[in-house]
Amino acid sequence: MSQFPLALPSAATLRASSSLPPALLGFDGFIDTICDAVDSRQSATQYERVKTLQAFGQRIVAAAGKSTNVEIVPTLVKLGGNGPIMANALTALSVPVTYCGMTGFPHTHQVFEEFGTRARLLPICEPALTDAYEFDDGKLIVGKHATVAEVSHENIIERVGEVAWRAAWESAGFVAMVNWTMLPYMTALWKQILADFPPSAERKTLFFDLADPEKRSAADIAEALEVIAQFEAGNDVILGLNEKEAIHIGQVLNIETPLGDVLTPETAMELAAAIRARLEIGTVVVHPTRFAAAANSAGAAVV
């Protein structure tokens, strides 16, 4: 099993390619604010942060029946979201990228302005907001995500424009549609895309990412997987899953394999192959932090 050195020659090969297809990605977008929780303050500019999530939790619990005040200090503000992060990586490889998503509407949010110099932006709505309180033993993520409900086919047509949206889809050779879990109308959007863009002679590569669907119902997940499978008729579909997601999807699909909660290279290949066969799609990738496995019609492999 090969390790991280594989990434360097792969990246070099991608950068050197003169025929990278245009990419279209969507549809999320977040402003991530990294924060410290203040334990004690020495001056207007100096403070001691709460060092552990456990200590922060104990402080909150101790305030039950009373009240407390916690000072939060932002230390970094950056763009976030599965789509923008993936799109950023592709622009670093010189891929021509169009990003349709939550980057600010009607004006690009300043956090996404630099990104907009490297990718063409088709904005749908304002980004969602995420505050990450970081500690030595973990982080607490607090989200304000109302705008995710604005990601819909109707708003794409109204705010991006039907002509621009159709041109972006038709010109792309690679399309990534990610963070299904947090976008409540994503399945409906996929269904509309299937209706608007029937199979043609030119097959695209489509990448799908569910993004930890644990909070969604089994019925919702099953419906989303069924719609993803329908794209295979005219495209080459790739479904990417981390370890937790892959095990969860296996359960939703009633795939009987003795996996446990931790995948080995062998069981990851087995699960990827089983999910691919059940959905009848091109490729399934299962990527724990320790390795990655993939399966297509020719077999399965791990790196």
Protein backbone atom coordinates (compact mmCIF):
# COMPACT_ATOMS: atom_id res chain seq x y z
CA MET A 1 0.00 0.00 0.00
CA SER A 2 1.53 3.31 -1.09
CA GLN A 3 1.51 6.36 1.12
CA PHE A 4 1.59 10.16 0.77
CA PRO A 5 4.52 10.37 -1.73
CA LEU A 6 1.95 9.36 -4.35
CA ALA A 7 0.34 12.79 -4.00
CA LEU A 8 3.36 14.76 -5.25
CA PRO A 9 3.81 13.09 -8.65
CA SER A 10 0.03 13.04 -9.13
CA ALA A 11 -0.21 16.79 -8.52
CA ALA A 12 2.74 17.43 -10.83
CA THR A 13 1.08 15.42 -13.58
CA LEU A 14 -2.15 17.39 -13.21
CA ARG A 15 -0.33 20.73 -13.30
CA ALA A 16 1.58 19.71 -16.41
CA SER A 17 -1.53 18.68 -18.31
CA SER A 18 -2.52 21.06 -21.08
CA SER A 19 -6.02 19.61 -21.50
CA LEU A 20 -7.65 19.91 -18.08
CA PRO A 21 -11.40 20.19 -18.68
CA PRO A 22 -13.32 23.19 -17.33
CA ALA A 23 -14.86 22.44 -13.94
CA LEU A 24 -18.17 23.52 -12.43
CA LEU A 25 -18.57 23.20 -8.67
CA GLY A 26 -21.34 24.03 -6.20
CA PHE A 27 -23.26 24.90 -4.22
CA ASP A 28 -22.38 25.78 -0.61
CA GLY A 29 -20.30 28.58 0.88
CA PHE A 30 -19.40 29.52 4.43
CA ILE A 31 -17.51 32.18 6.31
CA ASP A 32 -15.47 30.38 8.94
CA THR A 33 -14.43 32.44 11.95
CA ILE A 34 -11.83 30.80 14.20
CA CYS A 35 -12.21 31.95 17.80
CA ASP A 36 -10.70 31.80 21.26
CA ALA A 37 -12.85 31.70 24.39
CA VAL A 38 -11.35 34.02 27.00
CA ASP A 39 -10.58 32.58 30.43
CA SER A 40 -9.03 35.69 31.94
CA ARG A 41 -7.94 39.05 30.56
CA GLN A 42 -4.77 40.89 31.60
CA SER A 43 -5.22 44.00 29.44
CA ALA A 44 -7.01 45.32 26.38
CA THR A 45 -4.66 43.29 24.18
CA GLN A 46 -3.64 40.33 26.36
CA TYR A 47 -5.73 37.42 27.59
CA GLU A 48 -5.53 33.77 28.59
CA ARG A 49 -7.77 31.54 26.53
CA VAL A 50 -9.79 28.61 27.82
CA LYS A 51 -7.40 25.81 26.92
CA THR A 52 -9.67 22.77 26.75
CA LEU A 53 -13.15 22.00 25.53
CA GLN A 54 -13.67 20.10 28.77
CA ALA A 55 -12.93 23.23 30.82
CA PHE A 56 -15.24 25.28 28.60
CA GLY A 57 -18.01 22.73 29.08
CA GLN A 58 -17.55 22.74 32.84
CA ARG A 59 -17.82 26.51 32.84
CA ILE A 60 -21.13 26.33 30.96
CA VAL A 61 -22.49 23.60 33.23
CA ALA A 62 -21.54 25.60 36.32
CA ALA A 63 -23.72 28.46 35.07
CA ALA A 64 -26.90 26.35 35.05
CA GLY A 65 -29.58 28.03 37.12
CA LYS A 66 -27.54 31.24 37.15
CA SER A 67 -25.97 33.01 34.18
CA THR A 68 -22.53 33.59 32.73
CA ASN A 69 -20.73 35.76 30.22
CA VAL A 70 -18.12 34.32 27.86
CA GLU A 71 -15.91 36.62 25.81
CA ILE A 72 -15.11 35.31 22.33
CA VAL A 73 -12.14 36.66 20.36
CA PRO A 74 -12.03 36.06 16.59
CA THR A 75 -8.50 35.11 15.52
CA LEU A 76 -9.02 34.26 11.84
CA VAL A 77 -11.75 34.74 9.24
CA LYS A 78 -11.59 32.64 6.08
CA LEU A 79 -13.75 31.14 3.38
CA GLY A 80 -15.22 27.75 4.09
CA GLY A 81 -17.53 25.13 2.70
CA ASN A 82 -16.84 21.87 0.92
CA GLY A 83 -17.35 23.41 -2.49
CA PRO A 84 -15.12 26.49 -2.16
CA ILE A 85 -12.33 24.47 -0.53
CA MET A 86 -12.43 21.88 -3.32
CA ALA A 87 -12.61 24.61 -5.95
CA ASN A 88 -9.62 26.36 -4.39
CA ALA A 89 -7.61 23.17 -4.70
CA LEU A 90 -8.54 22.80 -8.36
CA THR A 91 -7.53 26.38 -9.17
CA ALA A 92 -4.13 25.63 -7.59
CA LEU A 93 -3.80 22.89 -10.22
CA SER A 94 -4.64 25.43 -12.96
CA VAL A 95 -8.07 23.94 -13.64
CA PRO A 96 -10.50 26.51 -15.14
CA VAL A 97 -13.17 26.70 -12.42
CA THR A 98 -16.67 28.11 -12.33
CA TYR A 99 -18.16 28.17 -8.85
CA CYS A 100 -21.92 28.47 -8.41
CA GLY A 101 -22.88 28.91 -4.79
CA MET A 102 -23.16 30.88 -1.59
CA THR A 103 -20.45 33.48 -2.22
CA GLY A 104 -22.53 36.61 -1.65
CA PHE A 105 -25.52 38.06 -3.49
CA PRO A 106 -25.95 40.57 -5.03
CA HIS A 107 -22.33 41.44 -4.23
CA THR A 108 -19.46 39.03 -3.61
CA HIS A 109 -18.63 38.84 0.09
CA GLN A 110 -15.14 40.16 0.80
CA VAL A 111 -14.02 36.77 2.14
CA PHE A 112 -14.59 35.33 -1.35
CA GLU A 113 -13.08 38.21 -3.34
CA GLU A 114 -9.61 36.68 -3.65
CA PHE A 115 -11.16 33.35 -4.63
CA GLY A 116 -13.10 35.25 -7.29
CA THR A 117 -9.85 36.35 -8.94
CA ARG A 118 -9.03 32.70 -9.69
CA ALA A 119 -12.49 31.26 -10.35
CA ARG A 120 -15.55 32.55 -12.14
CA LEU A 121 -18.27 33.07 -9.53
CA LEU A 122 -21.99 32.55 -10.12
CA PRO A 123 -23.50 33.72 -6.82
CA ILE A 124 -26.77 32.35 -5.47
CA CYS A 125 -27.03 33.91 -2.00
CA GLU A 126 -25.11 35.10 1.04
CA PRO A 127 -22.73 32.63 2.69
CA ALA A 128 -23.66 30.84 5.88
CA LEU A 129 -21.68 31.63 9.03
CA THR A 130 -19.68 29.25 11.19
CA ASP A 131 -17.82 30.09 14.39
CA ALA A 132 -15.22 27.53 15.45
CA TYR A 133 -14.12 27.79 19.09
CA GLU A 134 -10.77 26.04 19.12
CA PHE A 135 -9.28 24.26 22.14
CA ASP A 136 -6.31 21.99 22.73
CA ASP A 137 -8.57 18.91 22.91
CA GLY A 138 -11.05 19.70 20.15
CA LYS A 139 -13.30 22.39 18.76
CA LEU A 140 -16.88 23.55 19.20
CA ILE A 141 -18.53 24.61 15.94
CA VAL A 142 -21.52 26.95 16.13
CA GLY A 143 -23.36 27.67 12.91
CA LYS A 144 -25.84 30.22 11.60
CA HIS A 145 -26.99 28.51 8.44
CA ALA A 146 -30.29 30.10 7.39
CA THR A 147 -29.08 30.92 3.88
CA VAL A 148 -28.55 27.26 2.94
CA ALA A 149 -32.30 27.19 2.26
CA GLU A 150 -31.76 29.68 -0.59
CA VAL A 151 -29.80 27.17 -2.66
CA SER A 152 -32.45 26.01 -5.11
CA HIS A 153 -33.02 25.67 -8.83
CA GLU A 154 -35.43 28.60 -8.72
CA ASN A 155 -32.84 30.93 -7.21
CA ILE A 156 -30.13 29.76 -9.61
CA ILE A 157 -32.35 30.66 -12.56
CA GLU A 158 -33.43 33.97 -10.99
CA ARG A 159 -30.05 35.14 -9.69
CA VAL A 160 -27.46 33.45 -11.91
CA GLY A 161 -29.64 33.49 -15.01
CA GLU A 162 -30.77 30.59 -17.13
CA VAL A 163 -28.37 31.38 -19.98
CA ALA A 164 -25.31 31.63 -17.70
CA TRP A 165 -26.28 28.50 -15.76
CA ARG A 166 -26.85 26.44 -18.89
CA ALA A 167 -23.58 27.62 -20.42
CA ALA A 168 -21.66 26.75 -17.23
CA TRP A 169 -23.12 23.24 -17.12
CA GLU A 170 -22.75 22.49 -20.81
CA SER A 171 -19.14 23.73 -21.04
CA ALA A 172 -17.90 21.79 -17.99
CA GLY A 173 -16.13 18.48 -18.36
CA PHE A 174 -16.04 17.94 -14.59
CA VAL A 175 -18.86 18.82 -12.19
CA ALA A 176 -18.71 18.49 -8.39
CA MET A 177 -21.89 18.85 -6.32
CA VAL A 178 -21.03 18.62 -2.66
CA ASN A 179 -22.35 19.06 0.90
CA TRP A 180 -25.74 17.50 0.21
CA THR A 181 -26.46 17.11 3.93
CA MET A 182 -26.54 20.83 4.67
CA LEU A 183 -28.44 21.93 1.55
CA PRO A 184 -32.11 20.95 2.03
CA TYR A 185 -33.13 21.42 -1.60
CA MET A 186 -30.14 19.68 -3.20
CA THR A 187 -32.05 16.53 -4.16
CA ALA A 188 -34.72 18.63 -5.87
CA LEU A 189 -31.98 20.57 -7.67
CA TRP A 190 -30.40 17.32 -8.88
CA LYS A 191 -33.77 16.16 -10.22
CA GLN A 192 -34.17 19.40 -12.14
CA ILE A 193 -30.66 19.10 -13.58
CA LEU A 194 -31.52 15.60 -14.81
CA ALA A 195 -34.63 17.01 -16.50
CA ASP A 196 -32.86 20.03 -18.01
CA PHE A 197 -29.73 18.26 -19.24
CA PRO A 198 -30.60 14.83 -20.69
CA PRO A 199 -27.80 12.43 -21.66
CA SER A 200 -25.69 13.51 -24.62
CA ALA A 201 -22.79 12.09 -26.60
CA GLU A 202 -20.27 13.85 -24.36
CA ARG A 203 -20.14 12.24 -20.92
CA LYS A 204 -19.06 14.44 -18.02
CA THR A 205 -17.32 13.29 -14.87
CA LEU A 206 -19.62 14.05 -11.94
CA PHE A 207 -18.39 13.98 -8.34
CA PHE A 208 -20.86 13.77 -5.47
CA ASP A 209 -20.16 14.31 -1.76
CA LEU A 210 -22.89 13.79 0.83
CA ALA A 211 -20.92 15.30 3.75
CA ASP A 212 -21.79 13.36 6.93
CA PRO A 213 -25.48 12.61 6.32
CA GLU A 214 -26.08 11.32 9.86
CA LYS A 215 -28.60 14.06 10.68
CA ARG A 216 -30.71 13.33 7.59
CA SER A 217 -33.32 10.57 7.58
CA ALA A 218 -32.66 7.20 5.98
CA ALA A 219 -35.47 7.95 3.50
CA ASP A 220 -33.83 11.24 2.48
CA ILE A 221 -30.46 9.54 2.02
CA ALA A 222 -31.95 6.69 0.00
CA GLU A 223 -33.73 9.16 -2.28
CA ALA A 224 -30.53 11.16 -2.80
CA LEU A 225 -28.59 8.01 -3.67
CA GLU A 226 -31.28 6.97 -6.14
CA VAL A 227 -31.05 10.35 -7.88
CA ILE A 228 -27.24 10.21 -7.94
CA ALA A 229 -27.49 6.81 -9.63
CA GLN A 230 -29.70 8.27 -12.37
CA PHE A 231 -26.86 10.57 -13.48
CA GLU A 232 -24.81 7.53 -14.55
CA ALA A 233 -26.94 7.10 -17.69
CA GLY A 234 -25.24 10.08 -19.31
CA ASN A 235 -22.19 10.70 -17.14
CA ASP A 236 -19.37 9.00 -15.28
CA VAL A 237 -20.37 9.26 -11.63
CA ILE A 238 -17.95 9.27 -8.68
CA LEU A 239 -19.31 9.12 -5.13
CA GLY A 240 -16.82 10.10 -2.43
CA LEU A 241 -17.29 8.90 1.15
CA ASN A 242 -15.19 9.13 4.28
CA GLU A 243 -15.05 6.21 6.69
CA LYS A 244 -18.08 7.16 8.77
CA GLU A 245 -20.14 8.08 5.72
CA ALA A 246 -19.30 4.84 3.91
CA ILE A 247 -20.39 2.68 6.85
CA HIS A 248 -23.60 4.73 7.20
CA ILE A 249 -24.41 4.45 3.49
CA GLY A 250 -23.78 0.71 3.65
CA GLN A 251 -26.37 0.49 6.42
CA VAL A 252 -28.91 2.58 4.48
CA LEU A 253 -28.44 0.30 1.46
CA ASN A 254 -28.71 -2.83 3.66
CA ILE A 255 -25.31 -4.04 2.56
CA GLU A 256 -24.35 -6.96 4.77
CA THR A 257 -20.62 -6.93 5.36
CA PRO A 258 -18.78 -7.62 8.65
CA LEU A 259 -17.17 -4.18 8.85
CA GLY A 260 -17.33 -2.87 12.40
CA ASP A 261 -16.71 0.83 13.05
CA VAL A 262 -13.15 0.92 11.66
CA LEU A 263 -12.33 -0.01 8.09
CA THR A 264 -9.22 -1.86 7.01
CA PRO A 265 -7.85 -1.52 3.47
CA GLU A 266 -9.52 -4.81 2.60
CA THR A 267 -12.95 -3.99 4.07
CA ALA A 268 -12.84 -0.48 2.57
CA MET A 269 -12.36 -1.98 -0.90
CA GLU A 270 -15.12 -4.49 -0.19
CA LEU A 271 -17.53 -1.78 0.94
CA ALA A 272 -16.68 0.55 -1.97
CA ALA A 273 -17.32 -2.29 -4.42
CA ALA A 274 -20.60 -3.23 -2.74
CA ILE A 275 -21.93 0.35 -2.74
CA ARG A 276 -20.90 0.82 -6.37
CA ALA A 277 -22.61 -2.39 -7.42
CA ARG A 278 -25.80 -1.58 -5.52
CA LEU A 279 -26.05 1.93 -7.02
CA GLU A 280 -24.75 0.86 -10.45
CA ILE A 281 -22.51 3.94 -10.78
CA GLY A 282 -19.03 4.34 -12.18
CA THR A 283 -16.82 4.73 -9.12
CA VAL A 284 -17.06 4.81 -5.33
CA VAL A 285 -14.17 6.18 -3.29
CA VAL A 286 -13.89 5.44 0.44
CA HIS A 287 -11.25 7.57 2.13
CA PRO A 288 -10.47 7.08 5.82
CA THR A 289 -7.67 9.29 7.09
CA ARG A 290 -5.20 6.39 6.89
CA PHE A 291 -5.68 5.35 3.25
CA ALA A 292 -8.15 5.54 0.37
CA ALA A 293 -9.94 2.76 -1.49
CA ALA A 294 -11.82 2.93 -4.77
CA ALA A 295 -13.93 0.57 -6.82
CA ASN A 296 -15.16 0.66 -10.40
CA SER A 297 -16.38 -1.92 -12.88
CA ALA A 298 -12.83 -3.23 -13.35
CA GLY A 299 -12.23 -3.96 -9.66
CA ALA A 300 -11.03 -2.28 -6.47
CA ALA A 301 -7.74 -0.78 -5.30
CA VAL A 302 -6.30 0.95 -2.25
CA VAL A 303 -3.53 3.52 -1.73
